[in-house]
Amino acid sequence: MDDIEQQCEDAVFVLCDARERYPLRCANEFQRSIKLKNEINMLKIFQKSTVMSELPILEQTERLNLEFNENEICFDRLDSKLQNIINKLDNLKAVVEQIEREKTCWINKLLES
């Protein structure tokens, strides 16, 4: 259990270190992820609030098809945004890993001593 706690503390330290080194980039990515989550949640609310009126059957099916296509387009756009955020998070992870490697690099250890 102590090992897991230590790993968590190490991960938090690495993230805090990356946040201190790149505050603007981290803030922008965090803001984008919050906006994406809000858009996803608002889309769910919008879908629930859509009420079918007393339209003839043909108009109802046309309306359902139109709404389905709009939702599909929204999900495609959200999927691409989510993928972009995932890619940027992967890039940030790579930066953190690079920082970790720099800390343990033998040249840096020689320079420190």
PDB file of N, CA and C in Angstrom:
ATOM      1  N   MET A   1       0.823  -1.195   0.000  1.00  0.00           N
ATOM      2  CA  MET A   1       0.000   0.000   0.000  1.00  0.00           C
ATOM      3  C   MET A   1       0.871   1.265   0.000  1.00  0.00           C
ATOM      4  N   ASP A   2       2.004   1.205   0.728  1.00  0.00           N
ATOM      5  CA  ASP A   2       2.908   2.356   0.764  1.00  0.00           C
ATOM      6  C   ASP A   2       3.497   2.638  -0.611  1.00  0.00           C
ATOM      7  N   ASP A   3       3.733   1.563  -1.376  1.00  0.00           N
ATOM      8  CA  ASP A   3       4.284   1.724  -2.723  1.00  0.00           C
ATOM      9  C   ASP A   3       3.304   2.478  -3.618  1.00  0.00           C
ATOM     10  N   ILE A   4       2.023   2.154  -3.511  1.00  0.00           N
ATOM     11  CA  ILE A   4       1.002   2.837  -4.319  1.00  0.00           C
ATOM     12  C   ILE A   4       0.919   4.304  -3.919  1.00  0.00           C
ATOM     13  N   GLU A   5       0.948   4.561  -2.622  1.00  0.00           N
ATOM     14  CA  GLU A   5       0.912   5.947  -2.158  1.00  0.00           C
ATOM     15  C   GLU A   5       2.127   6.723  -2.656  1.00  0.00           C
ATOM     16  N   GLN A   6       3.277   6.090  -2.631  1.00  0.00           N
ATOM     17  CA  GLN A   6       4.491   6.746  -3.110  1.00  0.00           C
ATOM     18  C   GLN A   6       4.400   7.031  -4.609  1.00  0.00           C
ATOM     19  N   GLN A   7       3.858   6.070  -5.364  1.00  0.00           N
ATOM     20  CA  GLN A   7       3.693   6.278  -6.806  1.00  0.00           C
ATOM     21  C   GLN A   7       2.733   7.431  -7.071  1.00  0.00           C
ATOM     22  N   CYS A   8       1.653   7.505  -6.282  1.00  0.00           N
ATOM     23  CA  CYS A   8       0.697   8.606  -6.441  1.00  0.00           C
ATOM     24  C   CYS A   8       1.364   9.945  -6.128  1.00  0.00           C
ATOM     25  N   GLU A   9       2.127   9.977  -5.050  1.00  0.00           N
ATOM     26  CA  GLU A   9       2.827  11.212  -4.697  1.00  0.00           C
ATOM     27  C   GLU A   9       3.825  11.603  -5.780  1.00  0.00           C
ATOM     28  N   ASP A  10       4.516  10.627  -6.336  1.00  0.00           N
ATOM     29  CA  ASP A  10       5.466  10.909  -7.417  1.00  0.00           C
ATOM     30  C   ASP A  10       4.749  11.456  -8.647  1.00  0.00           C
ATOM     31  N   ALA A  11       3.602  10.848  -8.980  1.00  0.00           N
ATOM     32  CA  ALA A  11       2.837  11.308 -10.146  1.00  0.00           C
ATOM     33  C   ALA A  11       2.338  12.729  -9.934  1.00  0.00           C
ATOM     34  N   VAL A  12       1.856  13.023  -8.724  1.00  0.00           N
ATOM     35  CA  VAL A  12       1.385  14.378  -8.426  1.00  0.00           C
ATOM     36  C   VAL A  12       2.543  15.367  -8.525  1.00  0.00           C
ATOM     37  N   PHE A  13       3.703  14.976  -8.017  1.00  0.00           N
ATOM     38  CA  PHE A  13       4.872  15.854  -8.096  1.00  0.00           C
ATOM     39  C   PHE A  13       5.246  16.142  -9.548  1.00  0.00           C
ATOM     40  N   VAL A  14       5.238  15.110 -10.381  1.00  0.00           N
ATOM     41  CA  VAL A  14       5.600  15.281 -11.798  1.00  0.00           C
ATOM     42  C   VAL A  14       4.608  16.208 -12.487  1.00  0.00           C
ATOM     43  N   LEU A  15       3.309  16.010 -12.210  1.00  0.00           N
ATOM     44  CA  LEU A  15       2.300  16.871 -12.827  1.00  0.00           C
ATOM     45  C   LEU A  15       2.432  18.312 -12.347  1.00  0.00           C
ATOM     46  N   CYS A  16       2.685  18.485 -11.058  1.00  0.00           N
ATOM     47  CA  CYS A  16       2.865  19.840 -10.532  1.00  0.00           C
ATOM     48  C   CYS A  16       4.094  20.498 -11.153  1.00  0.00           C
ATOM     49  N   ASP A  17       5.143  19.726 -11.320  1.00  0.00           N
ATOM     50  CA  ASP A  17       6.357  20.246 -11.939  1.00  0.00           C
ATOM     51  C   ASP A  17       6.085  20.681 -13.376  1.00  0.00           C
ATOM     52  N   ALA A  18       5.358  19.851 -14.118  1.00  0.00           N
ATOM     53  CA  ALA A  18       5.019  20.202 -15.506  1.00  0.00           C
ATOM     54  C   ALA A  18       4.128  21.435 -15.533  1.00  0.00           C
ATOM     55  N   ARG A  19       3.206  21.525 -14.574  1.00  0.00           N
ATOM     56  CA  ARG A  19       2.309  22.679 -14.528  1.00  0.00           C
ATOM     57  C   ARG A  19       3.092  23.952 -14.217  1.00  0.00           C
ATOM     58  N   GLU A  20       4.090  23.851 -13.351  1.00  0.00           N
ATOM     59  CA  GLU A  20       4.911  25.025 -13.046  1.00  0.00           C
ATOM     60  C   GLU A  20       5.753  25.445 -14.245  1.00  0.00           C
ATOM     61  N   ARG A  21       6.228  24.475 -15.006  1.00  0.00           N
ATOM     62  CA  ARG A  21       7.067  24.802 -16.163  1.00  0.00           C
ATOM     63  C   ARG A  21       6.253  25.328 -17.340  1.00  0.00           C
ATOM     64  N   TYR A  22       5.036  24.806 -17.515  1.00  0.00           N
ATOM     65  CA  TYR A  22       4.201  25.174 -18.659  1.00  0.00           C
ATOM     66  C   TYR A  22       2.804  25.576 -18.179  1.00  0.00           C
ATOM     67  N   PRO A  23       2.669  26.656 -17.405  1.00  0.00           N
ATOM     68  CA  PRO A  23       1.365  26.999 -16.824  1.00  0.00           C
ATOM     69  C   PRO A  23       0.323  27.401 -17.864  1.00  0.00           C
ATOM     70  N   LEU A  24       0.719  28.159 -18.862  1.00  0.00           N
ATOM     71  CA  LEU A  24      -0.244  28.623 -19.855  1.00  0.00           C
ATOM     72  C   LEU A  24      -0.782  27.463 -20.679  1.00  0.00           C
ATOM     73  N   ARG A  25       0.096  26.587 -21.099  1.00  0.00           N
ATOM     74  CA  ARG A  25      -0.328  25.440 -21.908  1.00  0.00           C
ATOM     75  C   ARG A  25      -1.263  24.518 -21.111  1.00  0.00           C
ATOM     76  N   CYS A  26      -0.922  24.264 -19.861  1.00  0.00           N
ATOM     77  CA  CYS A  26      -1.774  23.420 -19.016  1.00  0.00           C
ATOM     78  C   CYS A  26      -3.135  24.076 -18.798  1.00  0.00           C
ATOM     79  N   ALA A  27      -3.139  25.381 -18.551  1.00  0.00           N
ATOM     80  CA  ALA A  27      -4.401  26.091 -18.336  1.00  0.00           C
ATOM     81  C   ALA A  27      -5.269  26.047 -19.585  1.00  0.00           C
ATOM     82  N   ASN A  28      -4.662  26.233 -20.747  1.00  0.00           N
ATOM     83  CA  ASN A  28      -5.429  26.186 -21.998  1.00  0.00           C
ATOM     84  C   ASN A  28      -6.023  24.806 -22.240  1.00  0.00           C
ATOM     85  N   GLU A  29      -5.239  23.761 -22.005  1.00  0.00           N
ATOM     86  CA  GLU A  29      -5.740  22.401 -22.214  1.00  0.00           C
ATOM     87  C   GLU A  29      -6.851  22.075 -21.216  1.00  0.00           C
ATOM     88  N   PHE A  30      -6.680  22.530 -19.984  1.00  0.00           N
ATOM     89  CA  PHE A  30      -7.707  22.294 -18.975  1.00  0.00           C
ATOM     90  C   PHE A  30      -8.997  23.019 -19.351  1.00  0.00           C
ATOM     91  N   GLN A  31      -8.883  24.247 -19.830  1.00  0.00           N
ATOM     92  CA  GLN A  31     -10.047  25.012 -20.251  1.00  0.00           C
ATOM     93  C   GLN A  31     -10.753  24.321 -21.424  1.00  0.00           C
ATOM     94  N   ARG A  32      -9.992  23.817 -22.363  1.00  0.00           N
ATOM     95  CA  ARG A  32     -10.592  23.115 -23.504  1.00  0.00           C
ATOM     96  C   ARG A  32     -11.311  21.850 -23.060  1.00  0.00           C
ATOM     97  N   SER A  33     -10.727  21.119 -22.129  1.00  0.00           N
ATOM     98  CA  SER A  33     -11.379  19.886 -21.670  1.00  0.00           C
ATOM     99  C   SER A  33     -12.673  20.203 -20.934  1.00  0.00           C
ATOM    100  N   ILE A  34     -12.696  21.290 -20.153  1.00  0.00           N
ATOM    101  CA  ILE A  34     -13.930  21.686 -19.467  1.00  0.00           C
ATOM    102  C   ILE A  34     -14.990  22.087 -20.480  1.00  0.00           C
ATOM    103  N   LYS A  35     -14.603  22.847 -21.505  1.00  0.00           N
ATOM    104  CA  LYS A  35     -15.560  23.241 -22.543  1.00  0.00           C
ATOM    105  C   LYS A  35     -16.132  22.018 -23.251  1.00  0.00           C
ATOM    106  N   LEU A  36     -15.281  21.040 -23.543  1.00  0.00           N
ATOM    107  CA  LEU A  36     -15.737  19.828 -24.215  1.00  0.00           C
ATOM    108  C   LEU A  36     -16.719  19.061 -23.337  1.00  0.00           C
ATOM    109  N   LYS A  37     -16.406  18.932 -22.050  1.00  0.00           N
ATOM    110  CA  LYS A  37     -17.327  18.250 -21.136  1.00  0.00           C
ATOM    111  C   LYS A  37     -18.658  18.982 -21.063  1.00  0.00           C
ATOM    112  N   ASN A  38     -18.618  20.311 -21.024  1.00  0.00           N
ATOM    113  CA  ASN A  38     -19.855  21.092 -21.001  1.00  0.00           C
ATOM    114  C   ASN A  38     -20.667  20.878 -22.269  1.00  0.00           C
ATOM    115  N   GLU A  39     -20.006  20.866 -23.413  1.00  0.00           N
ATOM    116  CA  GLU A  39     -20.715  20.639 -24.673  1.00  0.00           C
ATOM    117  C   GLU A  39     -21.370  19.267 -24.694  1.00  0.00           C
ATOM    118  N   ILE A  40     -20.662  18.261 -24.211  1.00  0.00           N
ATOM    119  CA  ILE A  40     -21.223  16.908 -24.169  1.00  0.00           C
ATOM    120  C   ILE A  40     -22.437  16.874 -23.251  1.00  0.00           C
ATOM    121  N   ASN A  41     -22.330  17.480 -22.070  1.00  0.00           N
ATOM    122  CA  ASN A  41     -23.449  17.490 -21.129  1.00  0.00           C
ATOM    123  C   ASN A  41     -24.624  18.295 -21.664  1.00  0.00           C
ATOM    124  N   MET A  42     -24.341  19.425 -22.309  1.00  0.00           N
ATOM    125  CA  MET A  42     -25.427  20.228 -22.874  1.00  0.00           C
ATOM    126  C   MET A  42     -26.107  19.490 -24.020  1.00  0.00           C
ATOM    127  N   LEU A  43     -25.367  18.711 -24.776  1.00  0.00           N
ATOM    128  CA  LEU A  43     -25.958  17.929 -25.855  1.00  0.00           C
ATOM    129  C   LEU A  43     -26.930  16.905 -25.285  1.00  0.00           C
ATOM    130  N   LYS A  44     -26.556  16.275 -24.167  1.00  0.00           N
ATOM    131  CA  LYS A  44     -27.449  15.314 -23.519  1.00  0.00           C
ATOM    132  C   LYS A  44     -28.722  16.000 -23.044  1.00  0.00           C
ATOM    133  N   ILE A  45     -28.587  17.191 -22.444  1.00  0.00           N
ATOM    134  CA  ILE A  45     -29.760  17.927 -21.969  1.00  0.00           C
ATOM    135  C   ILE A  45     -30.625  18.338 -23.143  1.00  0.00           C
ATOM    136  N   PHE A  46     -30.007  18.791 -24.222  1.00  0.00           N
ATOM    137  CA  PHE A  46     -30.757  19.205 -25.407  1.00  0.00           C
ATOM    138  C   PHE A  46     -31.548  18.036 -25.977  1.00  0.00           C
ATOM    139  N   GLN A  47     -30.942  16.855 -25.999  1.00  0.00           N
ATOM    140  CA  GLN A  47     -31.631  15.684 -26.529  1.00  0.00           C
ATOM    141  C   GLN A  47     -32.822  15.317 -25.662  1.00  0.00           C
ATOM    142  N   LYS A  48     -32.694  15.430 -24.345  1.00  0.00           N
ATOM    143  CA  LYS A  48     -33.796  15.098 -23.448  1.00  0.00           C
ATOM    144  C   LYS A  48     -34.928  16.103 -23.561  1.00  0.00           C
ATOM    145  N   SER A  49     -34.592  17.378 -23.800  1.00  0.00           N
ATOM    146  CA  SER A  49     -35.618  18.413 -23.826  1.00  0.00           C
ATOM    147  C   SER A  49     -36.371  18.473 -25.151  1.00  0.00           C
ATOM    148  N   THR A  50     -35.886  17.794 -26.161  1.00  0.00           N
ATOM    149  CA  THR A  50     -36.564  17.791 -27.451  1.00  0.00           C
ATOM    150  C   THR A  50     -37.839  16.961 -27.332  1.00  0.00           C
ATOM    151  N   VAL A  51     -38.961  17.608 -27.504  1.00  0.00           N
ATOM    152  CA  VAL A  51     -40.249  16.933 -27.357  1.00  0.00           C
ATOM    153  C   VAL A  51     -40.930  16.886 -28.716  1.00  0.00           C
ATOM    154  N   MET A  52     -41.465  15.724 -29.024  1.00  0.00           N
ATOM    155  CA  MET A  52     -42.174  15.570 -30.292  1.00  0.00           C
ATOM    156  C   MET A  52     -43.579  16.156 -30.158  1.00  0.00           C
ATOM    157  N   SER A  53     -43.941  17.003 -31.083  1.00  0.00           N
ATOM    158  CA  SER A  53     -45.287  17.561 -31.078  1.00  0.00           C
ATOM    159  C   SER A  53     -46.218  16.622 -31.829  1.00  0.00           C
ATOM    160  N   GLU A  54     -47.447  17.002 -31.875  1.00  0.00           N
ATOM    161  CA  GLU A  54     -48.453  16.186 -32.561  1.00  0.00           C
ATOM    162  C   GLU A  54     -48.384  16.451 -34.065  1.00  0.00           C
ATOM    163  N   LEU A  55     -47.377  15.925 -34.698  1.00  0.00           N
ATOM    164  CA  LEU A  55     -47.199  16.068 -36.136  1.00  0.00           C
ATOM    165  C   LEU A  55     -47.660  14.790 -36.823  1.00  0.00           C
ATOM    166  N   PRO A  56     -48.018  14.892 -38.081  1.00  0.00           N
ATOM    167  CA  PRO A  56     -48.330  13.663 -38.815  1.00  0.00           C
ATOM    168  C   PRO A  56     -47.127  12.722 -38.813  1.00  0.00           C
ATOM    169  N   ILE A  57     -47.377  11.438 -39.003  1.00  0.00           N
ATOM    170  CA  ILE A  57     -46.338  10.410 -38.921  1.00  0.00           C
ATOM    171  C   ILE A  57     -45.184  10.704 -39.881  1.00  0.00           C
ATOM    172  N   LEU A  58     -45.492  11.096 -41.096  1.00  0.00           N
ATOM    173  CA  LEU A  58     -44.443  11.360 -42.077  1.00  0.00           C
ATOM    174  C   LEU A  58     -43.528  12.493 -41.611  1.00  0.00           C
ATOM    175  N   GLU A  59     -44.118  13.571 -41.086  1.00  0.00           N
ATOM    176  CA  GLU A  59     -43.309  14.688 -40.609  1.00  0.00           C
ATOM    177  C   GLU A  59     -42.484  14.285 -39.392  1.00  0.00           C
ATOM    178  N   GLN A  60     -43.047  13.433 -38.541  1.00  0.00           N
ATOM    179  CA  GLN A  60     -42.303  12.978 -37.363  1.00  0.00           C
ATOM    180  C   GLN A  60     -41.064  12.188 -37.775  1.00  0.00           C
ATOM    181  N   THR A  61     -41.215  11.299 -38.758  1.00  0.00           N
ATOM    182  CA  THR A  61     -40.052  10.511 -39.183  1.00  0.00           C
ATOM    183  C   THR A  61     -39.004  11.404 -39.844  1.00  0.00           C
ATOM    184  N   GLU A  62     -39.461  12.395 -40.632  1.00  0.00           N
ATOM    185  CA  GLU A  62     -38.513  13.325 -41.243  1.00  0.00           C
ATOM    186  C   GLU A  62     -37.761  14.108 -40.164  1.00  0.00           C
ATOM    187  N   ARG A  63     -38.510  14.534 -39.146  1.00  0.00           N
ATOM    188  CA  ARG A  63     -37.885  15.292 -38.061  1.00  0.00           C
ATOM    189  C   ARG A  63     -36.895  14.413 -37.291  1.00  0.00           C
ATOM    190  N   LEU A  64     -37.271  13.165 -37.038  1.00  0.00           N
ATOM    191  CA  LEU A  64     -36.369  12.249 -36.337  1.00  0.00           C
ATOM    192  C   LEU A  64     -35.093  12.019 -37.145  1.00  0.00           C
ATOM    193  N   ASN A  65     -35.245  11.845 -38.452  1.00  0.00           N
ATOM    194  CA  ASN A  65     -34.066  11.652 -39.304  1.00  0.00           C
ATOM    195  C   ASN A  65     -33.161  12.881 -39.273  1.00  0.00           C
ATOM    196  N   LEU A  66     -33.769  14.062 -39.323  1.00  0.00           N
ATOM    197  CA  LEU A  66     -32.996  15.297 -39.288  1.00  0.00           C
ATOM    198  C   LEU A  66     -32.265  15.431 -37.954  1.00  0.00           C
ATOM    199  N   GLU A  67     -32.970  15.170 -36.843  1.00  0.00           N
ATOM    200  CA  GLU A  67     -32.342  15.261 -35.520  1.00  0.00           C
ATOM    201  C   GLU A  67     -31.221  14.232 -35.385  1.00  0.00           C
ATOM    202  N   PHE A  68     -31.448  13.042 -35.903  1.00  0.00           N
ATOM    203  CA  PHE A  68     -30.409  12.007 -35.833  1.00  0.00           C
ATOM    204  C   PHE A  68     -29.163  12.456 -36.580  1.00  0.00           C
ATOM    205  N   ASN A  69     -29.356  13.026 -37.770  1.00  0.00           N
ATOM    206  CA  ASN A  69     -28.207  13.498 -38.548  1.00  0.00           C
ATOM    207  C   ASN A  69     -27.479  14.638 -37.833  1.00  0.00           C
ATOM    208  N   GLU A  70     -28.238  15.564 -37.224  1.00  0.00           N
ATOM    209  CA  GLU A  70     -27.605  16.659 -36.490  1.00  0.00           C
ATOM    210  C   GLU A  70     -26.808  16.129 -35.308  1.00  0.00           C
ATOM    211  N   ASN A  71     -27.392  15.169 -34.578  1.00  0.00           N
ATOM    212  CA  ASN A  71     -26.695  14.591 -33.426  1.00  0.00           C
ATOM    213  C   ASN A  71     -25.456  13.833 -33.875  1.00  0.00           C
ATOM    214  N   GLU A  72     -25.558  13.130 -34.994  1.00  0.00           N
ATOM    215  CA  GLU A  72     -24.411  12.388 -35.510  1.00  0.00           C
ATOM    216  C   GLU A  72     -23.279  13.350 -35.871  1.00  0.00           C
ATOM    217  N   ILE A  73     -23.640  14.472 -36.479  1.00  0.00           N
ATOM    218  CA  ILE A  73     -22.639  15.475 -36.828  1.00  0.00           C
ATOM    219  C   ILE A  73     -22.007  16.044 -35.561  1.00  0.00           C
ATOM    220  N   CYS A  74     -22.848  16.322 -34.542  1.00  0.00           N
ATOM    221  CA  CYS A  74     -22.320  16.851 -33.275  1.00  0.00           C
ATOM    222  C   CYS A  74     -21.355  15.862 -32.641  1.00  0.00           C
ATOM    223  N   PHE A  75     -21.733  14.575 -32.644  1.00  0.00           N
ATOM    224  CA  PHE A  75     -20.862  13.577 -32.040  1.00  0.00           C
ATOM    225  C   PHE A  75     -19.560  13.437 -32.822  1.00  0.00           C
ATOM    226  N   ASP A  76     -19.629  13.550 -34.146  1.00  0.00           N
ATOM    227  CA  ASP A  76     -18.399  13.492 -34.938  1.00  0.00           C
ATOM    228  C   ASP A  76     -17.471  14.647 -34.572  1.00  0.00           C
ATOM    229  N   ARG A  77     -18.056  15.828 -34.416  1.00  0.00           N
ATOM    230  CA  ARG A  77     -17.256  17.004 -34.059  1.00  0.00           C
ATOM    231  C   ARG A  77     -16.676  16.842 -32.653  1.00  0.00           C
ATOM    232  N   LEU A  78     -17.497  16.349 -31.734  1.00  0.00           N
ATOM    233  CA  LEU A  78     -17.017  16.141 -30.367  1.00  0.00           C
ATOM    234  C   LEU A  78     -15.955  15.048 -30.319  1.00  0.00           C
ATOM    235  N   ASP A  79     -16.132  14.011 -31.149  1.00  0.00           N
ATOM    236  CA  ASP A  79     -15.121  12.948 -31.205  1.00  0.00           C
ATOM    237  C   ASP A  79     -13.777  13.504 -31.652  1.00  0.00           C
ATOM    238  N   SER A  80     -13.803  14.363 -32.662  1.00  0.00           N
ATOM    239  CA  SER A  80     -12.535  14.921 -33.141  1.00  0.00           C
ATOM    240  C   SER A  80     -11.920  15.845 -32.094  1.00  0.00           C
ATOM    241  N   LYS A  81     -12.754  16.615 -31.397  1.00  0.00           N
ATOM    242  CA  LYS A  81     -12.229  17.480 -30.340  1.00  0.00           C
ATOM    243  C   LYS A  81     -11.635  16.648 -29.215  1.00  0.00           C
ATOM    244  N   LEU A  82     -12.340  15.582 -28.846  1.00  0.00           N
ATOM    245  CA  LEU A  82     -11.844  14.708 -27.787  1.00  0.00           C
ATOM    246  C   LEU A  82     -10.525  14.064 -28.198  1.00  0.00           C
ATOM    247  N   GLN A  83     -10.429  13.642 -29.447  1.00  0.00           N
ATOM    248  CA  GLN A  83      -9.185  13.041 -29.927  1.00  0.00           C
ATOM    249  C   GLN A  83      -8.043  14.054 -29.892  1.00  0.00           C
ATOM    250  N   ASN A  84      -8.340  15.311 -30.242  1.00  0.00           N
ATOM    251  CA  ASN A  84      -7.315  16.357 -30.172  1.00  0.00           C
ATOM    252  C   ASN A  84      -6.828  16.558 -28.748  1.00  0.00           C
ATOM    253  N   ILE A  85      -7.766  16.559 -27.801  1.00  0.00           N
ATOM    254  CA  ILE A  85      -7.384  16.724 -26.394  1.00  0.00           C
ATOM    255  C   ILE A  85      -6.557  15.539 -25.932  1.00  0.00           C
ATOM    256  N   ILE A  86      -6.948  14.336 -26.331  1.00  0.00           N
ATOM    257  CA  ILE A  86      -6.185  13.140 -25.958  1.00  0.00           C
ATOM    258  C   ILE A  86      -4.773  13.231 -26.523  1.00  0.00           C
ATOM    259  N   ASN A  87      -4.654  13.669 -27.771  1.00  0.00           N
ATOM    260  CA  ASN A  87      -3.324  13.818 -28.380  1.00  0.00           C
ATOM    261  C   ASN A  87      -2.483  14.845 -27.627  1.00  0.00           C
ATOM    262  N   LYS A  88      -3.099  15.949 -27.239  1.00  0.00           N
ATOM    263  CA  LYS A  88      -2.353  16.975 -26.516  1.00  0.00           C
ATOM    264  C   LYS A  88      -1.953  16.489 -25.129  1.00  0.00           C
ATOM    265  N   LEU A  89      -2.832  15.723 -24.480  1.00  0.00           N
ATOM    266  CA  LEU A  89      -2.467  15.146 -23.185  1.00  0.00           C
ATOM    267  C   LEU A  89      -1.315  14.160 -23.338  1.00  0.00           C
ATOM    268  N   ASP A  90      -1.342  13.386 -24.417  1.00  0.00           N
ATOM    269  CA  ASP A  90      -0.224  12.475 -24.680  1.00  0.00           C
ATOM    270  C   ASP A  90       1.073  13.255 -24.885  1.00  0.00           C
ATOM    271  N   ASN A  91       0.970  14.395 -25.567  1.00  0.00           N
ATOM    272  CA  ASN A  91       2.155  15.240 -25.755  1.00  0.00           C
ATOM    273  C   ASN A  91       2.672  15.762 -24.420  1.00  0.00           C
ATOM    274  N   LEU A  92       1.747  16.171 -23.548  1.00  0.00           N
ATOM    275  CA  LEU A  92       2.160  16.647 -22.228  1.00  0.00           C
ATOM    276  C   LEU A  92       2.803  15.526 -21.417  1.00  0.00           C
ATOM    277  N   LYS A  93       2.266  14.309 -21.539  1.00  0.00           N
ATOM    278  CA  LYS A  93       2.868  13.163 -20.854  1.00  0.00           C
ATOM    279  C   LYS A  93       4.289  12.929 -21.372  1.00  0.00           C
ATOM    280  N   ALA A  94       4.457  13.081 -22.684  1.00  0.00           N
ATOM    281  CA  ALA A  94       5.791  12.901 -23.262  1.00  0.00           C
ATOM    282  C   ALA A  94       6.759  13.950 -22.719  1.00  0.00           C
ATOM    283  N   VAL A  95       6.272  15.175 -22.541  1.00  0.00           N
ATOM    284  CA  VAL A  95       7.115  16.230 -21.978  1.00  0.00           C
ATOM    285  C   VAL A  95       7.510  15.876 -20.550  1.00  0.00           C
ATOM    286  N   VAL A  96       6.536  15.384 -19.771  1.00  0.00           N
ATOM    287  CA  VAL A  96       6.818  14.993 -18.386  1.00  0.00           C
ATOM    288  C   VAL A  96       7.838  13.863 -18.359  1.00  0.00           C
ATOM    289  N   GLU A  97       7.681  12.881 -19.241  1.00  0.00           N
ATOM    290  CA  GLU A  97       8.640  11.777 -19.304  1.00  0.00           C
ATOM    291  C   GLU A  97      10.028  12.281 -19.699  1.00  0.00           C
ATOM    292  N   GLN A  98      10.069  13.227 -20.607  1.00  0.00           N
ATOM    293  CA  GLN A  98      11.357  13.796 -21.010  1.00  0.00           C
ATOM    294  C   GLN A  98      12.019  14.512 -19.836  1.00  0.00           C
ATOM    295  N   ILE A  99      11.224  15.235 -19.060  1.00  0.00           N
ATOM    296  CA  ILE A  99      11.756  15.919 -17.879  1.00  0.00           C
ATOM    297  C   ILE A  99      12.309  14.900 -16.895  1.00  0.00           C
ATOM    298  N   GLU A 100      11.575  13.799 -16.710  1.00  0.00           N
ATOM    299  CA  GLU A 100      12.043  12.747 -15.806  1.00  0.00           C
ATOM    300  C   GLU A 100      13.360  12.150 -16.299  1.00  0.00           C
ATOM    301  N   ARG A 101      13.449  11.912 -17.599  1.00  0.00           N
ATOM    302  CA  ARG A 101      14.690  11.363 -18.152  1.00  0.00           C
ATOM    303  C   ARG A 101      15.847  12.332 -17.964  1.00  0.00           C
ATOM    304  N   GLU A 102      15.557  13.632 -18.120  1.00  0.00           N
ATOM    305  CA  GLU A 102      16.608  14.632 -17.926  1.00  0.00           C
ATOM    306  C   GLU A 102      17.105  14.633 -16.489  1.00  0.00           C
ATOM    307  N   LYS A 103      16.199  14.401 -15.545  1.00  0.00           N
ATOM    308  CA  LYS A 103      16.592  14.385 -14.133  1.00  0.00           C
ATOM    309  C   LYS A 103      17.527  13.222 -13.839  1.00  0.00           C
ATOM    310  N   THR A 104      17.312  12.101 -14.524  1.00  0.00           N
ATOM    311  CA  THR A 104      18.112  10.906 -14.241  1.00  0.00           C
ATOM    312  C   THR A 104      19.271  10.718 -15.218  1.00  0.00           C
ATOM    313  N   CYS A 105      19.422  11.629 -16.140  1.00  0.00           N
ATOM    314  CA  CYS A 105      20.501  11.534 -17.136  1.00  0.00           C
ATOM    315  C   CYS A 105      21.856  11.639 -16.437  1.00  0.00           C
ATOM    316  N   TRP A 106      22.791  10.806 -16.853  1.00  0.00           N
ATOM    317  CA  TRP A 106      24.099  10.770 -16.188  1.00  0.00           C
ATOM    318  C   TRP A 106      24.869  12.073 -16.375  1.00  0.00           C
ATOM    319  N   ILE A 107      24.627  12.765 -17.481  1.00  0.00           N
ATOM    320  CA  ILE A 107      25.306  14.048 -17.698  1.00  0.00           C
ATOM    321  C   ILE A 107      24.820  15.069 -16.672  1.00  0.00           C
ATOM    322  N   ASN A 108      23.517  15.111 -16.441  1.00  0.00           N
ATOM    323  CA  ASN A 108      22.979  16.034 -15.448  1.00  0.00           C
ATOM    324  C   ASN A 108      23.483  15.693 -14.054  1.00  0.00           C
ATOM    325  N   LYS A 109      23.589  14.405 -13.758  1.00  0.00           N
ATOM    326  CA  LYS A 109      24.107  14.000 -12.449  1.00  0.00           C
ATOM    327  C   LYS A 109      25.561  14.441 -12.290  1.00  0.00           C
ATOM    328  N   LEU A 110      26.336  14.327 -13.366  1.00  0.00           N
ATOM    329  CA  LEU A 110      27.729  14.779 -13.312  1.00  0.00           C
ATOM    330  C   LEU A 110      27.820  16.294 -13.128  1.00  0.00           C
ATOM    331  N   LEU A 111      26.925  17.022 -13.805  1.00  0.00           N
ATOM    332  CA  LEU A 111      26.932  18.477 -13.681  1.00  0.00           C
ATOM    333  C   LEU A 111      26.521  18.924 -12.282  1.00  0.00           C
ATOM    334  N   GLU A 112      25.604  18.191 -11.665  1.00  0.00           N
ATOM    335  CA  GLU A 112      25.140  18.551 -10.324  1.00  0.00           C
ATOM    336  C   GLU A 112      26.213  18.293  -9.265  1.00  0.00           C
ATOM    337  N   SER A 113      27.030  17.280  -9.481  1.00  0.00           N
ATOM    338  CA  SER A 113      28.037  16.955  -8.454  1.00  0.00           C
ATOM    339  C   SER A 113      29.322  17.722  -8.616  1.00  0.00           C
TER     340      SER A 113
END
